[in-house]
Amino acid sequence: MVGFVIVVDMQHDFVRTSGALPVPDAEAIVAPMQNWLESLDPQDVAGVLMTFDTHMSADYVGSPEAELFPLHCEKGTLGWESMLDSSAINPDIPLYTLEKGVFDMWQEEAVGIRSTDGVQIEREAFFRDLAARGVDRVTVVGVAADYCVRWAVEGLLVRGFDVDIPASLTRGIARDAHAVAQELGREDRLHLAA
């Protein structure tokens, strides 16, 4: 069975303890996640999507998110950049990116998914195409389990995908992957691994 991988917001501002909005213990998952990504087999994985929380200071002020959190993941800064070396992923596995200005990767209408060759694909069309190609299972890793990871998982479930969450490759702010999985329910299609 061929699956798909989503790596959620593994950016300096969330992962480094010195970042603008560090997720507790997120630095501990960088090396294991890098090793896991490097071990992915193109026979088993139809692609890897890396999401990037993306803000600009002028737009952030006055936003709903600004009421909760300081400015973070400002595009063009080190804080926005990924902690992972995506070039180490097997080159036969397609790599995609998605930049989002809100917690939920499904919320913004105009958000597209960009391939490494620069082609932008409308998000919903991208996931419909995955399903049409027989991809029905997605593994989600990254931060934060109780915010962006949670909404990524919810959106996948709504769109008919089964979802795996390796708890060892996910960290949360106030709740971990186990708590989030319990809150979401859906034991029939949501699978938590060690």
Protein backbone atom coordinates (compact mmCIF):
# COMPACT_ATOMS: atom_id res chain seq x y z
CA MET A 1 0.00 0.00 0.00
CA VAL A 2 1.40 3.40 -0.99
CA GLY A 3 1.00 6.21 1.53
CA PHE A 4 1.80 9.89 1.81
CA VAL A 5 3.63 11.95 4.46
CA ILE A 6 2.88 15.41 5.85
CA VAL A 7 5.57 17.13 7.93
CA VAL A 8 3.92 19.96 9.85
CA ASP A 9 5.77 23.20 10.64
CA MET A 10 9.19 21.87 11.64
CA GLN A 11 10.53 25.44 11.61
CA HIS A 12 13.19 27.11 13.74
CA ASP A 13 10.71 29.36 15.56
CA PHE A 14 8.71 26.32 16.76
CA VAL A 15 11.51 23.80 17.24
CA ARG A 16 14.49 25.68 18.72
CA THR A 17 14.24 26.62 22.38
CA SER A 18 15.51 30.04 21.28
CA GLY A 19 12.71 30.36 18.69
CA ALA A 20 9.92 32.91 18.88
CA LEU A 21 7.32 30.29 19.84
CA PRO A 22 9.08 27.07 20.91
CA VAL A 23 7.10 23.86 21.33
CA PRO A 24 8.31 21.99 24.44
CA ASP A 25 10.81 19.22 23.66
CA ALA A 26 10.51 19.74 19.89
CA GLU A 27 14.29 19.77 19.41
CA ALA A 28 14.33 16.13 20.56
CA ILE A 29 12.42 14.99 17.47
CA VAL A 30 14.61 16.65 14.82
CA ALA A 31 17.27 13.92 14.49
CA PRO A 32 14.82 10.99 14.67
CA MET A 33 12.54 12.67 12.14
CA GLN A 34 15.43 13.38 9.80
CA ASN A 35 16.50 9.71 10.01
CA TRP A 36 12.92 8.55 9.45
CA LEU A 37 12.50 10.79 6.39
CA GLU A 38 15.79 9.55 4.94
CA SER A 39 14.62 5.95 5.37
CA LEU A 40 11.38 6.41 3.40
CA ASP A 41 11.08 4.06 0.44
CA PRO A 42 9.73 5.40 -2.87
CA GLN A 43 7.88 2.10 -3.30
CA ASP A 44 5.83 2.93 -0.19
CA VAL A 45 5.52 6.73 -0.28
CA ALA A 46 3.81 8.75 -3.03
CA GLY A 47 5.26 12.02 -1.72
CA VAL A 48 6.19 14.22 1.22
CA LEU A 49 4.46 17.54 1.92
CA MET A 50 6.22 19.98 4.22
CA THR A 51 4.00 22.73 5.64
CA PHE A 52 5.38 26.13 6.64
CA ASP A 53 3.62 28.49 9.00
CA THR A 54 4.20 31.75 7.12
CA HIS A 55 3.69 35.30 8.37
CA MET A 56 4.67 38.82 7.39
CA SER A 57 4.92 41.40 10.17
CA ALA A 58 2.61 43.92 8.45
CA ASP A 59 -0.17 41.34 8.03
CA TYR A 60 0.31 39.67 11.40
CA VAL A 61 -0.51 42.69 13.55
CA GLY A 62 -4.25 42.69 14.27
CA SER A 63 -4.76 39.10 13.10
CA PRO A 64 -6.63 36.62 15.33
CA GLU A 65 -3.39 34.68 15.81
CA ALA A 66 -1.61 37.83 17.05
CA GLU A 67 -4.06 37.92 19.95
CA LEU A 68 -2.67 34.57 21.13
CA PHE A 69 0.97 34.46 20.02
CA PRO A 70 3.87 36.82 19.27
CA LEU A 71 5.06 37.20 15.67
CA HIS A 72 6.73 33.99 14.54
CA CYS A 73 7.79 32.21 11.35
CA GLU A 74 8.23 35.49 9.49
CA LYS A 75 9.10 34.63 5.90
CA GLY A 76 12.67 35.53 5.02
CA THR A 77 13.98 34.97 8.53
CA LEU A 78 15.81 32.03 10.08
CA GLY A 79 12.75 31.43 12.26
CA TRP A 80 10.72 30.57 9.15
CA GLU A 81 13.19 28.02 7.79
CA SER A 82 12.86 24.26 8.27
CA MET A 83 15.00 22.39 10.77
CA LEU A 84 15.07 19.41 8.40
CA ASP A 85 17.24 18.75 5.37
CA SER A 86 14.67 17.83 2.74
CA SER A 87 17.42 17.21 0.18
CA ALA A 88 18.30 14.04 2.12
CA ILE A 89 14.92 12.47 1.30
CA ASN A 90 15.18 9.90 -1.49
CA PRO A 91 15.03 11.94 -4.72
CA ASP A 92 12.56 9.45 -6.20
CA ILE A 93 9.98 10.60 -3.63
CA PRO A 94 8.21 13.77 -4.82
CA LEU A 95 8.57 16.68 -2.39
CA TYR A 96 5.95 19.41 -1.98
CA THR A 97 5.54 22.51 0.19
CA LEU A 98 2.54 24.39 1.49
CA GLU A 99 2.80 27.86 3.07
CA LYS A 100 -0.08 28.79 5.35
CA GLY A 101 -0.89 31.93 7.30
CA VAL A 102 -3.20 30.27 9.84
CA PHE A 103 -3.13 27.18 12.09
CA ASP A 104 -5.35 25.06 9.87
CA MET A 105 -3.78 24.08 6.53
CA TRP A 106 -7.29 23.57 5.11
CA GLN A 107 -8.75 26.97 6.06
CA GLU A 108 -7.32 29.44 3.56
CA GLU A 109 -9.00 29.40 0.16
CA ALA A 110 -6.05 30.57 -1.94
CA VAL A 111 -3.40 28.21 -0.55
CA GLY A 112 -1.74 25.94 -3.07
CA ILE A 113 0.78 23.15 -2.88
CA ARG A 114 4.05 23.73 -4.70
CA SER A 115 6.17 20.97 -6.22
CA THR A 116 9.96 21.18 -6.26
CA ASP A 117 9.86 22.24 -9.90
CA GLY A 118 7.76 25.27 -8.96
CA VAL A 119 4.38 24.06 -10.21
CA GLN A 120 1.55 25.18 -7.93
CA ILE A 121 -1.39 22.80 -7.48
CA GLU A 122 -4.70 23.79 -5.91
CA ARG A 123 -4.81 22.10 -2.49
CA GLU A 124 -8.14 20.29 -2.78
CA ALA A 125 -7.31 19.09 -6.30
CA PHE A 126 -3.97 17.79 -5.03
CA PHE A 127 -5.61 15.61 -2.35
CA ARG A 128 -8.38 14.47 -4.70
CA ASP A 129 -5.66 13.35 -7.12
CA LEU A 130 -3.85 11.46 -4.34
CA ALA A 131 -7.05 9.59 -3.49
CA ALA A 132 -7.73 8.89 -7.17
CA ARG A 133 -4.26 7.33 -7.45
CA GLY A 134 -5.13 4.93 -4.63
CA VAL A 135 -3.37 6.75 -1.78
CA ASP A 136 -5.68 6.35 1.19
CA ARG A 137 -3.28 6.58 4.14
CA VAL A 138 -1.31 9.62 5.33
CA THR A 139 1.31 9.78 8.07
CA VAL A 140 1.44 13.13 9.90
CA VAL A 141 4.44 14.26 11.96
CA GLY A 142 5.64 17.58 13.38
CA VAL A 143 4.46 20.37 15.66
CA ALA A 144 2.30 21.33 17.39
CA ALA A 145 0.19 18.25 18.07
CA ASP A 146 -2.59 20.28 19.67
CA TYR A 147 -2.71 22.98 16.98
CA CYS A 148 -1.48 22.60 13.39
CA VAL A 149 -0.99 18.81 13.51
CA ARG A 150 -4.49 18.36 14.92
CA TRP A 151 -6.12 20.41 12.16
CA ALA A 152 -4.09 18.67 9.47
CA VAL A 153 -5.32 15.32 10.79
CA GLU A 154 -8.94 16.47 11.07
CA GLY A 155 -8.91 17.71 7.48
CA LEU A 156 -7.48 14.44 6.22
CA LEU A 157 -10.13 12.44 8.06
CA VAL A 158 -12.88 14.63 6.60
CA ARG A 159 -11.44 13.98 3.13
CA GLY A 160 -11.58 10.20 3.62
CA PHE A 161 -7.96 9.38 4.41
CA ASP A 162 -6.76 7.04 7.14
CA VAL A 163 -4.15 8.80 9.29
CA ASP A 164 -1.13 7.53 11.20
CA ILE A 165 0.49 9.72 13.87
CA PRO A 166 3.86 8.48 15.16
CA ALA A 167 3.81 9.99 18.66
CA SER A 168 7.61 9.89 18.85
CA LEU A 169 7.80 12.30 15.89
CA THR A 170 5.22 14.77 17.18
CA ARG A 171 5.21 17.30 20.03
CA GLY A 172 2.45 19.48 21.44
CA ILE A 173 2.24 22.73 23.37
CA ALA A 174 -0.27 21.75 26.08
CA ARG A 175 -1.42 18.32 24.85
CA ASP A 176 0.55 15.54 23.21
CA ALA A 177 -0.42 13.32 20.28
CA HIS A 178 -2.04 10.76 22.60
CA ALA A 179 -4.40 13.36 24.09
CA VAL A 180 -5.20 14.78 20.66
CA ALA A 181 -5.96 11.33 19.24
CA GLN A 182 -8.33 10.66 22.14
CA GLU A 183 -10.09 13.99 21.58
CA LEU A 184 -10.50 13.28 17.87
CA GLY A 185 -11.73 9.72 18.38
CA ARG A 186 -12.04 7.94 15.03
CA GLU A 187 -10.13 4.87 16.18
CA ASP A 188 -11.37 3.24 12.97
CA ARG A 189 -9.26 5.59 10.82
CA LEU A 190 -6.84 7.39 13.15
CA HIS A 191 -3.90 5.30 14.28
CA LEU A 192 -1.40 6.38 16.90
CA ALA A 193 2.00 4.69 16.78
CA ALA A 194 4.84 4.82 19.30
